[in-house]
Amino acid sequence: PELGPLVQDLDAVYVNFISGFEMNLDTAQ
């Protein structure tokens, strides 16, 4: 619910797991 609205206008997303706790598997799916 936080991330979804923020990516709608983007062309690409770069994800880097710096802490390993940035998102869980459900959010990634």
mmCIF file of all heavy atoms, coordinates in Angstrom:
data_MODEL
# 
_entry.id   MODEL 
# 
loop_
_atom_site.group_PDB 
_atom_site.id 
_atom_site.type_symbol 
_atom_site.label_atom_id 
_atom_site.label_alt_id 
_atom_site.label_comp_id 
_atom_site.label_asym_id 
_atom_site.label_entity_id 
_atom_site.label_seq_id 
_atom_site.pdbx_PDB_ins_code 
_atom_site.Cartn_x 
_atom_site.Cartn_y 
_atom_site.Cartn_z 
_atom_site.occupancy 
_atom_site.B_iso_or_equiv 
_atom_site.pdbx_formal_charge 
_atom_site.auth_seq_id 
_atom_site.auth_comp_id 
_atom_site.auth_asym_id 
_atom_site.auth_atom_id 
_atom_site.pdbx_PDB_model_num 
ATOM 1   N N   . PRO A 1 1  ? 0.804  -1.222  0.000   1.00 0.00 ? 1  PRO A N   1 
ATOM 2   C CA  . PRO A 1 1  ? 0.000  0.000   0.000   1.00 0.00 ? 1  PRO A CA  1 
ATOM 3   C C   . PRO A 1 1  ? 0.842  1.279   0.000   1.00 0.00 ? 1  PRO A C   1 
ATOM 4   O O   . PRO A 1 1  ? 0.429  2.293   -0.560  1.00 0.00 ? 1  PRO A O   1 
ATOM 5   C CB  . PRO A 1 1  ? -0.825 -0.124  1.286   1.00 0.00 ? 1  PRO A CB  1 
ATOM 6   C CG  . PRO A 1 1  ? -0.963 -1.595  1.493   1.00 0.00 ? 1  PRO A CG  1 
ATOM 7   C CD  . PRO A 1 1  ? 0.366  -2.162  1.057   1.00 0.00 ? 1  PRO A CD  1 
ATOM 8   N N   . GLU A 1 2  ? 2.031  1.247   0.598   1.00 0.00 ? 2  GLU A N   1 
ATOM 9   C CA  . GLU A 1 2  ? 2.940  2.393   0.555   1.00 0.00 ? 2  GLU A CA  1 
ATOM 10  C C   . GLU A 1 2  ? 3.606  2.514   -0.808  1.00 0.00 ? 2  GLU A C   1 
ATOM 11  O O   . GLU A 1 2  ? 3.678  3.604   -1.399  1.00 0.00 ? 2  GLU A O   1 
ATOM 12  C CB  . GLU A 1 2  ? 4.049  2.252   1.603   1.00 0.00 ? 2  GLU A CB  1 
ATOM 13  C CG  . GLU A 1 2  ? 3.630  2.338   3.042   1.00 0.00 ? 2  GLU A CG  1 
ATOM 14  C CD  . GLU A 1 2  ? 4.812  2.065   3.964   1.00 0.00 ? 2  GLU A CD  1 
ATOM 15  O OE1 . GLU A 1 2  ? 5.552  1.089   3.733   1.00 0.00 ? 2  GLU A OE1 1 
ATOM 16  O OE2 . GLU A 1 2  ? 4.982  2.844   4.916   1.00 0.00 ? 2  GLU A OE2 1 
ATOM 17  N N   . LEU A 1 3  ? 4.125  1.399   -1.293  1.00 0.00 ? 3  LEU A N   1 
ATOM 18  C CA  . LEU A 1 3  ? 4.982  1.418   -2.471  1.00 0.00 ? 3  LEU A CA  1 
ATOM 19  C C   . LEU A 1 3  ? 4.199  1.504   -3.779  1.00 0.00 ? 3  LEU A C   1 
ATOM 20  O O   . LEU A 1 3  ? 4.620  2.188   -4.715  1.00 0.00 ? 3  LEU A O   1 
ATOM 21  C CB  . LEU A 1 3  ? 5.853  0.158   -2.474  1.00 0.00 ? 3  LEU A CB  1 
ATOM 22  C CG  . LEU A 1 3  ? 6.973  0.058   -3.502  1.00 0.00 ? 3  LEU A CG  1 
ATOM 23  C CD1 . LEU A 1 3  ? 7.964  1.207   -3.354  1.00 0.00 ? 3  LEU A CD1 1 
ATOM 24  C CD2 . LEU A 1 3  ? 7.691  -1.289  -3.363  1.00 0.00 ? 3  LEU A CD2 1 
ATOM 25  N N   . GLY A 1 4  ? 3.063  0.820   -3.832  1.00 0.00 ? 4  GLY A N   1 
ATOM 26  C CA  . GLY A 1 4  ? 2.314  0.731   -5.080  1.00 0.00 ? 4  GLY A CA  1 
ATOM 27  C C   . GLY A 1 4  ? 2.024  2.059   -5.745  1.00 0.00 ? 4  GLY A C   1 
ATOM 28  O O   . GLY A 1 4  ? 2.317  2.243   -6.940  1.00 0.00 ? 4  GLY A O   1 
ATOM 29  N N   . PRO A 1 5  ? 1.458  3.043   -5.022  1.00 0.00 ? 5  PRO A N   1 
ATOM 30  C CA  . PRO A 1 5  ? 1.159  4.320   -5.675  1.00 0.00 ? 5  PRO A CA  1 
ATOM 31  C C   . PRO A 1 5  ? 2.398  5.058   -6.167  1.00 0.00 ? 5  PRO A C   1 
ATOM 32  O O   . PRO A 1 5  ? 2.312  5.854   -7.106  1.00 0.00 ? 5  PRO A O   1 
ATOM 33  C CB  . PRO A 1 5  ? 0.450  5.120   -4.558  1.00 0.00 ? 5  PRO A CB  1 
ATOM 34  C CG  . PRO A 1 5  ? -0.071 4.094   -3.617  1.00 0.00 ? 5  PRO A CG  1 
ATOM 35  C CD  . PRO A 1 5  ? 0.938  2.982   -3.647  1.00 0.00 ? 5  PRO A CD  1 
ATOM 36  N N   . LEU A 1 6  ? 3.564  4.801   -5.555  1.00 0.00 ? 6  LEU A N   1 
ATOM 37  C CA  . LEU A 1 6  ? 4.774  5.537   -5.896  1.00 0.00 ? 6  LEU A CA  1 
ATOM 38  C C   . LEU A 1 6  ? 5.453  5.032   -7.161  1.00 0.00 ? 6  LEU A C   1 
ATOM 39  O O   . LEU A 1 6  ? 6.253  5.740   -7.767  1.00 0.00 ? 6  LEU A O   1 
ATOM 40  C CB  . LEU A 1 6  ? 5.767  5.475   -4.728  1.00 0.00 ? 6  LEU A CB  1 
ATOM 41  C CG  . LEU A 1 6  ? 5.276  6.089   -3.406  1.00 0.00 ? 6  LEU A CG  1 
ATOM 42  C CD1 . LEU A 1 6  ? 6.320  5.915   -2.318  1.00 0.00 ? 6  LEU A CD1 1 
ATOM 43  C CD2 . LEU A 1 6  ? 4.930  7.566   -3.579  1.00 0.00 ? 6  LEU A CD2 1 
ATOM 44  N N   . VAL A 1 7  ? 5.158  3.790   -7.563  1.00 0.00 ? 7  VAL A N   1 
ATOM 45  C CA  . VAL A 1 7  ? 5.826  3.243   -8.743  1.00 0.00 ? 7  VAL A CA  1 
ATOM 46  C C   . VAL A 1 7  ? 4.985  3.360   -10.012 1.00 0.00 ? 7  VAL A C   1 
ATOM 47  O O   . VAL A 1 7  ? 5.484  3.052   -11.108 1.00 0.00 ? 7  VAL A O   1 
ATOM 48  C CB  . VAL A 1 7  ? 6.218  1.761   -8.532  1.00 0.00 ? 7  VAL A CB  1 
ATOM 49  C CG1 . VAL A 1 7  ? 7.145  1.610   -7.332  1.00 0.00 ? 7  VAL A CG1 1 
ATOM 50  C CG2 . VAL A 1 7  ? 4.992  0.872   -8.370  1.00 0.00 ? 7  VAL A CG2 1 
ATOM 51  N N   . GLN A 1 8  ? 3.747  3.810   -9.888  1.00 0.00 ? 8  GLN A N   1 
ATOM 52  C CA  . GLN A 1 8  ? 2.843  3.793   -11.035 1.00 0.00 ? 8  GLN A CA  1 
ATOM 53  C C   . GLN A 1 8  ? 3.331  4.637   -12.206 1.00 0.00 ? 8  GLN A C   1 
ATOM 54  O O   . GLN A 1 8  ? 3.085  4.300   -13.368 1.00 0.00 ? 8  GLN A O   1 
ATOM 55  C CB  . GLN A 1 8  ? 1.445  4.253   -10.607 1.00 0.00 ? 8  GLN A CB  1 
ATOM 56  C CG  . GLN A 1 8  ? 0.757  3.306   -9.639  1.00 0.00 ? 8  GLN A CG  1 
ATOM 57  C CD  . GLN A 1 8  ? 0.720  1.871   -10.134 1.00 0.00 ? 8  GLN A CD  1 
ATOM 58  O OE1 . GLN A 1 8  ? 0.305  1.602   -11.264 1.00 0.00 ? 8  GLN A OE1 1 
ATOM 59  N NE2 . GLN A 1 8  ? 1.191  0.939   -9.312  1.00 0.00 ? 8  GLN A NE2 1 
ATOM 60  N N   . ASP A 1 9  ? 4.017  5.742   -11.938 1.00 0.00 ? 9  ASP A N   1 
ATOM 61  C CA  . ASP A 1 9  ? 4.447  6.637   -13.016 1.00 0.00 ? 9  ASP A CA  1 
ATOM 62  C C   . ASP A 1 9  ? 5.885  6.381   -13.459 1.00 0.00 ? 9  ASP A C   1 
ATOM 63  O O   . ASP A 1 9  ? 6.435  7.160   -14.249 1.00 0.00 ? 9  ASP A O   1 
ATOM 64  C CB  . ASP A 1 9  ? 4.309  8.096   -12.567 1.00 0.00 ? 9  ASP A CB  1 
ATOM 65  C CG  . ASP A 1 9  ? 2.862  8.497   -12.327 1.00 0.00 ? 9  ASP A CG  1 
ATOM 66  O OD1 . ASP A 1 9  ? 1.982  7.887   -12.963 1.00 0.00 ? 9  ASP A OD1 1 
ATOM 67  O OD2 . ASP A 1 9  ? 2.623  9.392   -11.512 1.00 0.00 ? 9  ASP A OD2 1 
ATOM 68  N N   . LEU A 1 10 ? 6.508  5.320   -12.956 1.00 0.00 ? 10 LEU A N   1 
ATOM 69  C CA  . LEU A 1 10 ? 7.907  5.061   -13.275 1.00 0.00 ? 10 LEU A CA  1 
ATOM 70  C C   . LEU A 1 10 ? 8.041  4.165   -14.497 1.00 0.00 ? 10 LEU A C   1 
ATOM 71  O O   . LEU A 1 10 ? 7.130  3.427   -14.845 1.00 0.00 ? 10 LEU A O   1 
ATOM 72  C CB  . LEU A 1 10 ? 8.605  4.409   -12.073 1.00 0.00 ? 10 LEU A CB  1 
ATOM 73  C CG  . LEU A 1 10 ? 8.538  5.182   -10.748 1.00 0.00 ? 10 LEU A CG  1 
ATOM 74  C CD1 . LEU A 1 10 ? 9.315  4.425   -9.668  1.00 0.00 ? 10 LEU A CD1 1 
ATOM 75  C CD2 . LEU A 1 10 ? 9.060  6.599   -10.901 1.00 0.00 ? 10 LEU A CD2 1 
ATOM 76  N N   . ASP A 1 11 ? 9.195  4.244   -15.155 1.00 0.00 ? 11 ASP A N   1 
ATOM 77  C CA  . ASP A 1 11 ? 9.491  3.395   -16.303 1.00 0.00 ? 11 ASP A CA  1 
ATOM 78  C C   . ASP A 1 11 ? 10.268 2.149   -15.907 1.00 0.00 ? 11 ASP A C   1 
ATOM 79  O O   . ASP A 1 11 ? 10.230 1.128   -16.603 1.00 0.00 ? 11 ASP A O   1 
ATOM 80  C CB  . ASP A 1 11 ? 10.305 4.181   -17.339 1.00 0.00 ? 11 ASP A CB  1 
ATOM 81  C CG  . ASP A 1 11 ? 9.528  5.375   -17.867 1.00 0.00 ? 11 ASP A CG  1 
ATOM 82  O OD1 . ASP A 1 11 ? 8.510  5.158   -18.545 1.00 0.00 ? 11 ASP A OD1 1 
ATOM 83  O OD2 . ASP A 1 11 ? 9.930  6.513   -17.582 1.00 0.00 ? 11 ASP A OD2 1 
ATOM 84  N N   . ALA A 1 12 ? 11.013 2.221   -14.809 1.00 0.00 ? 12 ALA A N   1 
ATOM 85  C CA  . ALA A 1 12 ? 11.831 1.103   -14.352 1.00 0.00 ? 12 ALA A CA  1 
ATOM 86  C C   . ALA A 1 12 ? 12.070 1.271   -12.857 1.00 0.00 ? 12 ALA A C   1 
ATOM 87  O O   . ALA A 1 12 ? 11.985 2.383   -12.325 1.00 0.00 ? 12 ALA A O   1 
ATOM 88  C CB  . ALA A 1 12 ? 13.162 1.055   -15.103 1.00 0.00 ? 12 ALA A CB  1 
ATOM 89  N N   . VAL A 1 13 ? 12.375 0.169   -12.198 1.00 0.00 ? 13 VAL A N   1 
ATOM 90  C CA  . VAL A 1 13 ? 12.657 0.188   -10.753 1.00 0.00 ? 13 VAL A CA  1 
ATOM 91  C C   . VAL A 1 13 ? 13.961 -0.565  -10.506 1.00 0.00 ? 13 VAL A C   1 
ATOM 92  O O   . VAL A 1 13 ? 14.148 -1.681  -11.000 1.00 0.00 ? 13 VAL A O   1 
ATOM 93  C CB  . VAL A 1 13 ? 11.514 -0.458  -9.943  1.00 0.00 ? 13 VAL A CB  1 
ATOM 94  C CG1 . VAL A 1 13 ? 11.891 -0.540  -8.457  1.00 0.00 ? 13 VAL A CG1 1 
ATOM 95  C CG2 . VAL A 1 13 ? 10.218 0.331   -10.108 1.00 0.00 ? 13 VAL A CG2 1 
ATOM 96  N N   . TYR A 1 14 ? 14.864 0.070   -9.758  1.00 0.00 ? 14 TYR A N   1 
ATOM 97  C CA  . TYR A 1 14 ? 16.099 -0.566  -9.311  1.00 0.00 ? 14 TYR A CA  1 
ATOM 98  C C   . TYR A 1 14 ? 15.951 -0.850  -7.820  1.00 0.00 ? 14 TYR A C   1 
ATOM 99  O O   . TYR A 1 14 ? 15.729 0.075   -7.028  1.00 0.00 ? 14 TYR A O   1 
ATOM 100 C CB  . TYR A 1 14 ? 17.294 0.355   -9.574  1.00 0.00 ? 14 TYR A CB  1 
ATOM 101 C CG  . TYR A 1 14 ? 18.595 -0.126  -8.958  1.00 0.00 ? 14 TYR A CG  1 
ATOM 102 C CD1 . TYR A 1 14 ? 19.389 -1.066  -9.619  1.00 0.00 ? 14 TYR A CD1 1 
ATOM 103 C CD2 . TYR A 1 14 ? 19.024 0.350   -7.727  1.00 0.00 ? 14 TYR A CD2 1 
ATOM 104 C CE1 . TYR A 1 14 ? 20.578 -1.514  -9.048  1.00 0.00 ? 14 TYR A CE1 1 
ATOM 105 C CE2 . TYR A 1 14 ? 20.212 -0.095  -7.157  1.00 0.00 ? 14 TYR A CE2 1 
ATOM 106 C CZ  . TYR A 1 14 ? 20.976 -1.024  -7.818  1.00 0.00 ? 14 TYR A CZ  1 
ATOM 107 O OH  . TYR A 1 14 ? 22.146 -1.472  -7.264  1.00 0.00 ? 14 TYR A OH  1 
ATOM 108 N N   . VAL A 1 15 ? 16.032 -2.119  -7.420  1.00 0.00 ? 15 VAL A N   1 
ATOM 109 C CA  . VAL A 1 15 ? 15.848 -2.548  -6.029  1.00 0.00 ? 15 VAL A CA  1 
ATOM 110 C C   . VAL A 1 15 ? 17.186 -3.052  -5.503  1.00 0.00 ? 15 VAL A C   1 
ATOM 111 O O   . VAL A 1 15 ? 17.822 -3.903  -6.138  1.00 0.00 ? 15 VAL A O   1 
ATOM 112 C CB  . VAL A 1 15 ? 14.798 -3.671  -5.926  1.00 0.00 ? 15 VAL A CB  1 
ATOM 113 C CG1 . VAL A 1 15 ? 14.611 -4.096  -4.466  1.00 0.00 ? 15 VAL A CG1 1 
ATOM 114 C CG2 . VAL A 1 15 ? 13.468 -3.240  -6.526  1.00 0.00 ? 15 VAL A CG2 1 
ATOM 115 N N   . ASN A 1 16 ? 17.600 -2.547  -4.345  1.00 0.00 ? 16 ASN A N   1 
ATOM 116 C CA  . ASN A 1 16 ? 18.840 -3.003  -3.738  1.00 0.00 ? 16 ASN A CA  1 
ATOM 117 C C   . ASN A 1 16 ? 18.570 -3.339  -2.277  1.00 0.00 ? 16 ASN A C   1 
ATOM 118 O O   . ASN A 1 16 ? 18.186 -2.469  -1.503  1.00 0.00 ? 16 ASN A O   1 
ATOM 119 C CB  . ASN A 1 16 ? 19.918 -1.919  -3.858  1.00 0.00 ? 16 ASN A CB  1 
ATOM 120 C CG  . ASN A 1 16 ? 21.313 -2.450  -3.555  1.00 0.00 ? 16 ASN A CG  1 
ATOM 121 O OD1 . ASN A 1 16 ? 21.476 -3.326  -2.716  1.00 0.00 ? 16 ASN A OD1 1 
ATOM 122 N ND2 . ASN A 1 16 ? 22.312 -1.899  -4.231  1.00 0.00 ? 16 ASN A ND2 1 
ATOM 123 N N   . PHE A 1 17 ? 18.774 -4.606  -1.926  1.00 0.00 ? 17 PHE A N   1 
ATOM 124 C CA  . PHE A 1 17 ? 18.534 -5.049  -0.551  1.00 0.00 ? 17 PHE A CA  1 
ATOM 125 C C   . PHE A 1 17 ? 19.783 -4.764  0.286   1.00 0.00 ? 17 PHE A C   1 
ATOM 126 O O   . PHE A 1 17 ? 20.645 -5.609  0.462   1.00 0.00 ? 17 PHE A O   1 
ATOM 127 C CB  . PHE A 1 17 ? 18.156 -6.526  -0.530  1.00 0.00 ? 17 PHE A CB  1 
ATOM 128 C CG  . PHE A 1 17 ? 16.773 -6.794  -1.042  1.00 0.00 ? 17 PHE A CG  1 
ATOM 129 C CD1 . PHE A 1 17 ? 16.556 -7.022  -2.392  1.00 0.00 ? 17 PHE A CD1 1 
ATOM 130 C CD2 . PHE A 1 17 ? 15.677 -6.776  -0.190  1.00 0.00 ? 17 PHE A CD2 1 
ATOM 131 C CE1 . PHE A 1 17 ? 15.279 -7.255  -2.880  1.00 0.00 ? 17 PHE A CE1 1 
ATOM 132 C CE2 . PHE A 1 17 ? 14.393 -6.993  -0.659  1.00 0.00 ? 17 PHE A CE2 1 
ATOM 133 C CZ  . PHE A 1 17 ? 14.190 -7.235  -2.011  1.00 0.00 ? 17 PHE A CZ  1 
ATOM 134 N N   . ILE A 1 18 ? 19.832 -3.545  0.801   1.00 0.00 ? 18 ILE A N   1 
ATOM 135 C CA  . ILE A 1 18 ? 20.977 -3.093  1.586   1.00 0.00 ? 18 ILE A CA  1 
ATOM 136 C C   . ILE A 1 18 ? 20.929 -3.673  2.991   1.00 0.00 ? 18 ILE A C   1 
ATOM 137 O O   . ILE A 1 18 ? 21.931 -4.152  3.526   1.00 0.00 ? 18 ILE A O   1 
ATOM 138 C CB  . ILE A 1 18 ? 21.017 -1.559  1.639   1.00 0.00 ? 18 ILE A CB  1 
ATOM 139 C CG1 . ILE A 1 18 ? 21.194 -0.975  0.233   1.00 0.00 ? 18 ILE A CG1 1 
ATOM 140 C CG2 . ILE A 1 18 ? 22.126 -1.072  2.569   1.00 0.00 ? 18 ILE A CG2 1 
ATOM 141 C CD1 . ILE A 1 18 ? 22.475 -1.360  -0.441  1.00 0.00 ? 18 ILE A CD1 1 
ATOM 142 N N   . SER A 1 19 ? 19.771 -3.639  3.633   1.00 0.00 ? 19 SER A N   1 
ATOM 143 C CA  . SER A 1 19 ? 19.620 -4.230  4.958   1.00 0.00 ? 19 SER A CA  1 
ATOM 144 C C   . SER A 1 19 ? 19.104 -5.666  4.880   1.00 0.00 ? 19 SER A C   1 
ATOM 145 O O   . SER A 1 19 ? 19.317 -6.461  5.784   1.00 0.00 ? 19 SER A O   1 
ATOM 146 C CB  . SER A 1 19 ? 18.651 -3.401  5.811   1.00 0.00 ? 19 SER A CB  1 
ATOM 147 O OG  . SER A 1 19 ? 17.316 -3.546  5.344   1.00 0.00 ? 19 SER A OG  1 
ATOM 148 N N   . GLY A 1 20 ? 18.413 -5.981  3.792   1.00 0.00 ? 20 GLY A N   1 
ATOM 149 C CA  . GLY A 1 20 ? 17.739 -7.265  3.680   1.00 0.00 ? 20 GLY A CA  1 
ATOM 150 C C   . GLY A 1 20 ? 16.325 -7.234  4.209   1.00 0.00 ? 20 GLY A C   1 
ATOM 151 O O   . GLY A 1 20 ? 15.588 -8.221  4.097   1.00 0.00 ? 20 GLY A O   1 
ATOM 152 N N   . PHE A 1 21 ? 15.930 -6.095  4.773   1.00 0.00 ? 21 PHE A N   1 
ATOM 153 C CA  . PHE A 1 21 ? 14.587 -5.953  5.341   1.00 0.00 ? 21 PHE A CA  1 
ATOM 154 C C   . PHE A 1 21 ? 13.776 -4.885  4.612   1.00 0.00 ? 21 PHE A C   1 
ATOM 155 O O   . PHE A 1 21 ? 12.796 -4.365  5.138   1.00 0.00 ? 21 PHE A O   1 
ATOM 156 C CB  . PHE A 1 21 ? 14.683 -5.613  6.832   1.00 0.00 ? 21 PHE A CB  1 
ATOM 157 C CG  . PHE A 1 21 ? 15.510 -6.603  7.613   1.00 0.00 ? 21 PHE A CG  1 
ATOM 158 C CD1 . PHE A 1 21 ? 16.765 -6.255  8.094   1.00 0.00 ? 21 PHE A CD1 1 
ATOM 159 C CD2 . PHE A 1 21 ? 15.051 -7.885  7.835   1.00 0.00 ? 21 PHE A CD2 1 
ATOM 160 C CE1 . PHE A 1 21 ? 17.534 -7.167  8.804   1.00 0.00 ? 21 PHE A CE1 1 
ATOM 161 C CE2 . PHE A 1 21 ? 15.819 -8.810  8.542   1.00 0.00 ? 21 PHE A CE2 1 
ATOM 162 C CZ  . PHE A 1 21 ? 17.066 -8.449  9.027   1.00 0.00 ? 21 PHE A CZ  1 
ATOM 163 N N   . GLU A 1 22 ? 14.179 -4.550  3.386   1.00 0.00 ? 22 GLU A N   1 
ATOM 164 C CA  . GLU A 1 22 ? 13.483 -3.496  2.638   1.00 0.00 ? 22 GLU A CA  1 
ATOM 165 C C   . GLU A 1 22 ? 12.045 -3.873  2.306   1.00 0.00 ? 22 GLU A C   1 
ATOM 166 O O   . GLU A 1 22 ? 11.168 -3.011  2.282   1.00 0.00 ? 22 GLU A O   1 
ATOM 167 C CB  . GLU A 1 22 ? 14.237 -3.173  1.346   1.00 0.00 ? 22 GLU A CB  1 
ATOM 168 C CG  . GLU A 1 22 ? 15.459 -2.288  1.527   1.00 0.00 ? 22 GLU A CG  1 
ATOM 169 C CD  . GLU A 1 22 ? 16.658 -3.015  2.102   1.00 0.00 ? 22 GLU A CD  1 
ATOM 170 O OE1 . GLU A 1 22 ? 16.617 -4.267  2.212   1.00 0.00 ? 22 GLU A OE1 1 
ATOM 171 O OE2 . GLU A 1 22 ? 17.644 -2.343  2.445   1.00 0.00 ? 22 GLU A OE2 1 
ATOM 172 N N   . MET A 1 23 ? 11.792 -5.141  2.016   1.00 0.00 ? 23 MET A N   1 
ATOM 173 C CA  . MET A 1 23 ? 10.434 -5.625  1.757   1.00 0.00 ? 23 MET A CA  1 
ATOM 174 C C   . MET A 1 23 ? 10.425 -7.130  1.945   1.00 0.00 ? 23 MET A C   1 
ATOM 175 O O   . MET A 1 23 ? 11.463 -7.786  1.824   1.00 0.00 ? 23 MET A O   1 
ATOM 176 C CB  . MET A 1 23 ? 9.960  -5.258  0.348   1.00 0.00 ? 23 MET A CB  1 
ATOM 177 C CG  . MET A 1 23 ? 10.696 -5.950  -0.782  1.00 0.00 ? 23 MET A CG  1 
ATOM 178 S SD  . MET A 1 23 ? 10.067 -5.555  -2.440  1.00 0.00 ? 23 MET A SD  1 
ATOM 179 C CE  . MET A 1 23 ? 10.717 -3.892  -2.654  1.00 0.00 ? 23 MET A CE  1 
ATOM 180 N N   . ASN A 1 24 ? 9.238  -7.677  2.237   1.00 0.00 ? 24 ASN A N   1 
ATOM 181 C CA  . ASN A 1 24 ? 9.141  -9.126  2.334   1.00 0.00 ? 24 ASN A CA  1 
ATOM 182 C C   . ASN A 1 24 ? 8.742  -9.710  0.987   1.00 0.00 ? 24 ASN A C   1 
ATOM 183 O O   . ASN A 1 24 ? 8.501  -8.978  0.017   1.00 0.00 ? 24 ASN A O   1 
ATOM 184 C CB  . ASN A 1 24 ? 8.178  -9.538  3.456   1.00 0.00 ? 24 ASN A CB  1 
ATOM 185 C CG  . ASN A 1 24 ? 6.755  -9.052  3.233   1.00 0.00 ? 24 ASN A CG  1 
ATOM 186 O OD1 . ASN A 1 24 ? 6.329  -8.806  2.095   1.00 0.00 ? 24 ASN A OD1 1 
ATOM 187 N ND2 . ASN A 1 24 ? 5.994  -8.914  4.308   1.00 0.00 ? 24 ASN A ND2 1 
ATOM 188 N N   . LEU A 1 25 ? 8.672  -11.038 0.921   1.00 0.00 ? 25 LEU A N   1 
ATOM 189 C CA  . LEU A 1 25 ? 8.396  -11.700 -0.354  1.00 0.00 ? 25 LEU A CA  1 
ATOM 190 C C   . LEU A 1 25 ? 7.009  -11.343 -0.872  1.00 0.00 ? 25 LEU A C   1 
ATOM 191 O O   . LEU A 1 25 ? 6.824  -11.167 -2.083  1.00 0.00 ? 25 LEU A O   1 
ATOM 192 C CB  . LEU A 1 25 ? 8.539  -13.210 -0.186  1.00 0.00 ? 25 LEU A CB  1 
ATOM 193 C CG  . LEU A 1 25 ? 8.259  -14.074 -1.427  1.00 0.00 ? 25 LEU A CG  1 
ATOM 194 C CD1 . LEU A 1 25 ? 9.120  -13.647 -2.607  1.00 0.00 ? 25 LEU A CD1 1 
ATOM 195 C CD2 . LEU A 1 25 ? 8.485  -15.551 -1.104  1.00 0.00 ? 25 LEU A CD2 1 
ATOM 196 N N   . ASP A 1 26 ? 6.022  -11.230 -0.001  1.00 0.00 ? 26 ASP A N   1 
ATOM 197 C CA  . ASP A 1 26 ? 4.674  -10.866 -0.451  1.00 0.00 ? 26 ASP A CA  1 
ATOM 198 C C   . ASP A 1 26 ? 4.683  -9.514  -1.164  1.00 0.00 ? 26 ASP A C   1 
ATOM 199 O O   . ASP A 1 26 ? 4.055  -9.351  -2.218  1.00 0.00 ? 26 ASP A O   1 
ATOM 200 C CB  . ASP A 1 26 ? 3.704  -10.815 0.731   1.00 0.00 ? 26 ASP A CB  1 
ATOM 201 C CG  . ASP A 1 26 ? 3.357  -12.202 1.261   1.00 0.00 ? 26 ASP A CG  1 
ATOM 202 O OD1 . ASP A 1 26 ? 3.591  -13.183 0.537   1.00 0.00 ? 26 ASP A OD1 1 
ATOM 203 O OD2 . ASP A 1 26 ? 2.869  -12.289 2.407   1.00 0.00 ? 26 ASP A OD2 1 
ATOM 204 N N   . THR A 1 27 ? 5.402  -8.536  -0.602  1.00 0.00 ? 27 THR A N   1 
ATOM 205 C CA  . THR A 1 27 ? 5.468  -7.212  -1.225  1.00 0.00 ? 27 THR A CA  1 
ATOM 206 C C   . THR A 1 27 ? 6.208  -7.279  -2.556  1.00 0.00 ? 27 THR A C   1 
ATOM 207 O O   . THR A 1 27 ? 5.817  -6.637  -3.537  1.00 0.00 ? 27 THR A O   1 
ATOM 208 C CB  . THR A 1 27 ? 6.153  -6.214  -0.279  1.00 0.00 ? 27 THR A CB  1 
ATOM 209 O OG1 . THR A 1 27 ? 5.407  -6.140  0.947   1.00 0.00 ? 27 THR A OG1 1 
ATOM 210 C CG2 . THR A 1 27 ? 6.231  -4.828  -0.894  1.00 0.00 ? 27 THR A CG2 1 
ATOM 211 N N   . ALA A 1 28 ? 7.287  -8.075  -2.610  1.00 0.00 ? 28 ALA A N   1 
ATOM 212 C CA  . ALA A 1 28 ? 8.021  -8.224  -3.871  1.00 0.00 ? 28 ALA A CA  1 
ATOM 213 C C   . ALA A 1 28 ? 7.132  -8.848  -4.949  1.00 0.00 ? 28 ALA A C   1 
ATOM 214 O O   . ALA A 1 28 ? 7.165  -8.432  -6.116  1.00 0.00 ? 28 ALA A O   1 
ATOM 215 C CB  . ALA A 1 28 ? 9.267  -9.079  -3.648  1.00 0.00 ? 28 ALA A CB  1 
ATOM 216 N N   . GLN A 1 29 ? 6.313  -9.814  -4.580  1.00 0.00 ? 29 GLN A N   1 
ATOM 217 C CA  . GLN A 1 29 ? 5.404  -10.426 -5.557  1.00 0.00 ? 29 GLN A CA  1 
ATOM 218 C C   . GLN A 1 29 ? 4.344  -9.435  -6.023  1.00 0.00 ? 29 GLN A C   1 
ATOM 219 O O   . GLN A 1 29 ? 3.974  -9.408  -7.202  1.00 0.00 ? 29 GLN A O   1 
ATOM 220 C CB  . GLN A 1 29 ? 4.750  -11.668 -4.946  1.00 0.00 ? 29 GLN A CB  1 
ATOM 221 C CG  . GLN A 1 29 ? 5.719  -12.829 -4.761  1.00 0.00 ? 29 GLN A CG  1 
ATOM 222 C CD  . GLN A 1 29 ? 5.069  -14.016 -4.089  1.00 0.00 ? 29 GLN A CD  1 
ATOM 223 O OE1 . GLN A 1 29 ? 4.482  -13.906 -3.022  1.00 0.00 ? 29 GLN A OE1 1 
ATOM 224 N NE2 . GLN A 1 29 ? 5.170  -15.180 -4.731  1.00 0.00 ? 29 GLN A NE2 1 
# 
